[in-house]
Structure formats: C-alpha cells, structure tokens
Protein backbone atom coordinates (compact mmCIF):
# COMPACT_ATOMS: atom_id res chain seq x y z
CA UNK A 1 0.06 0.06 0.25
CA UNK A 2 1.39 3.51 -1.05
CA UNK A 3 1.22 5.78 2.30
CA UNK A 4 1.29 8.77 0.33
CA UNK A 5 -1.40 7.90 -1.37
CA UNK A 6 -4.04 7.01 1.42
CA UNK A 7 -3.04 9.79 3.30
CA UNK A 8 -3.80 12.35 0.30
CA UNK A 9 -7.09 10.46 -0.34
CA UNK A 10 -7.97 11.12 3.25
CA UNK A 11 -7.18 14.33 3.52
CA UNK A 12 -9.14 15.38 0.59
CA UNK A 13 -11.91 13.02 1.76
CA UNK A 14 -12.00 14.83 4.99
CA UNK A 15 -12.23 18.01 3.00
CA UNK A 16 -14.72 17.18 0.73
CA UNK A 17 -16.59 15.72 3.61
CA UNK A 18 -16.07 18.86 5.95
CA UNK A 19 -16.73 21.74 2.51
CA UNK A 20 -20.33 19.42 1.88
CA UNK A 21 -21.23 20.27 5.66
CA UNK A 22 -20.56 23.86 4.41
CA UNK A 23 -22.60 23.61 1.26
CA UNK A 24 -25.34 21.74 2.53
CA UNK A 25 -25.56 24.79 5.61
CA UNK A 26 -25.45 27.44 2.29
CA UNK A 27 -27.97 25.14 0.90
CA UNK A 28 -30.43 25.09 3.62
CA UNK A 29 -30.39 29.32 3.75
CA UNK A 30 -31.49 29.32 -0.11
CA UNK A 31 -34.02 26.47 -0.09
CA UNK A 32 -37.90 27.16 0.26
CA UNK A 33 -39.37 24.18 -0.92
CA UNK A 34 -40.24 22.14 2.72
CA UNK A 35 -39.65 18.61 1.07
CA UNK A 36 -36.48 19.76 -0.12
CA UNK A 37 -35.62 20.92 3.16
CA UNK A 38 -36.20 18.03 4.97
CA UNK A 39 -34.06 16.02 2.92
CA UNK A 40 -31.21 18.55 2.92
CA UNK A 41 -31.33 18.39 6.37
CA UNK A 42 -31.13 14.82 6.62
CA UNK A 43 -27.87 15.13 3.90
CA UNK A 44 -26.13 17.39 6.23
CA UNK A 45 -26.67 15.72 9.68
CA UNK A 46 -25.49 11.91 7.59
CA UNK A 47 -22.24 14.63 6.47
CA UNK A 48 -21.41 15.48 9.93
CA UNK A 49 -21.16 12.12 10.68
CA UNK A 50 -19.05 11.35 7.71
CA UNK A 51 -16.63 14.27 9.51
CA UNK A 52 -16.86 12.42 12.63
CA UNK A 53 -15.95 9.27 10.97
CA UNK A 54 -12.84 10.62 9.19
CA UNK A 55 -11.87 12.82 12.00
CA UNK A 56 -11.23 9.71 14.11
CA UNK A 57 -9.91 7.22 11.57
CA UNK A 58 -7.10 10.26 11.35
CA UNK A 59 -7.03 9.77 15.39
CA UNK A 60 -6.81 6.21 15.30
CA UNK A 61 -4.10 6.47 12.64
CA UNK A 62 -2.31 8.88 14.07
CA UNK A 63 -2.19 11.38 11.43
CA UNK A 64 -2.54 15.40 10.90
CA UNK A 65 -5.90 16.08 10.29
CA UNK A 66 -4.89 19.55 8.99
CA UNK A 67 -2.04 18.48 6.79
CA UNK A 68 -2.35 20.29 3.60
CA UNK A 69 -1.84 19.03 -0.06
CA UNK A 70 -2.24 20.81 -3.48
CA UNK A 71 -5.08 18.34 -4.23
CA UNK A 72 -6.70 19.13 -0.84
CA UNK A 73 -6.61 22.49 -1.62
CA UNK A 74 -7.93 22.22 -4.65
CA UNK A 75 -10.96 20.82 -3.11
CA UNK A 76 -11.46 23.67 -0.56
CA UNK A 77 -11.28 26.01 -3.34
CA UNK A 78 -14.70 23.58 -5.76
CA UNK A 79 -16.31 23.52 -2.60
CA UNK A 80 -16.15 27.15 -1.49
CA UNK A 81 -17.06 28.18 -4.72
CA UNK A 82 -20.04 26.51 -4.65
CA UNK A 83 -20.67 28.16 -0.79
CA UNK A 84 -19.76 31.44 -2.64
CA UNK A 85 -22.13 31.33 -5.34
CA UNK A 86 -24.86 30.81 -3.22
CA UNK A 87 -24.41 33.28 -1.00
CA UNK A 88 -24.45 35.86 -4.29
CA UNK A 89 -27.58 34.24 -5.20
CA UNK A 90 -29.19 34.76 -2.19
CA UNK A 91 -27.92 38.56 -2.45
CA UNK A 92 -30.03 39.02 -5.94
CA UNK A 93 -32.88 36.95 -5.27
CA UNK A 94 -35.99 39.12 -5.34
C-alpha cells in the first residue's frame, strides 16, 4: 500500500466532507421547498457524521487532520466556490 497516496485520499475526503457541511448549511439558507429542506437537512446530518468518522480515523491512524496538500486545496476551492455562488444568489434574490 502506498502510504502517501492513502494519506492524500484521506485528507481530500475529509476536506470534501467538511466542505459538504458548509454547502448544505448554505443550501438550507436558500431552499424554499419544505420537502427539499427536509432532505437536505438529512444530508447535512449524514455529512457531519462523515466528518466525525473521518476525524476519528485520523486519530486512530495518528495522522494530522490539518495536513495540507495541493489536492486538498483544490477540493477546498471547489466547495468554497459553490458556497460563494449560493451566497451570491441570496443577495440577488428578490
């Protein structure tokens, strides 16, 4: 097993889930449909659980959950861009 690749996959996964929490929190500020609100709220809770599981895995493997990498930065940028787009839409909404 290639430890470097595994660590990279883990930090990108943690970043993806952490960004997902931010995406769902922001989406819930935008949503108008009650059924969709309920569905996204469920996804938010699931995504928070994924963050907890991954954080526990990092602790178990004695890995730094704050380890930076180019791949992690790209994943962070993608999530932040989606959040920024939703926030922008909120400011433009009538």
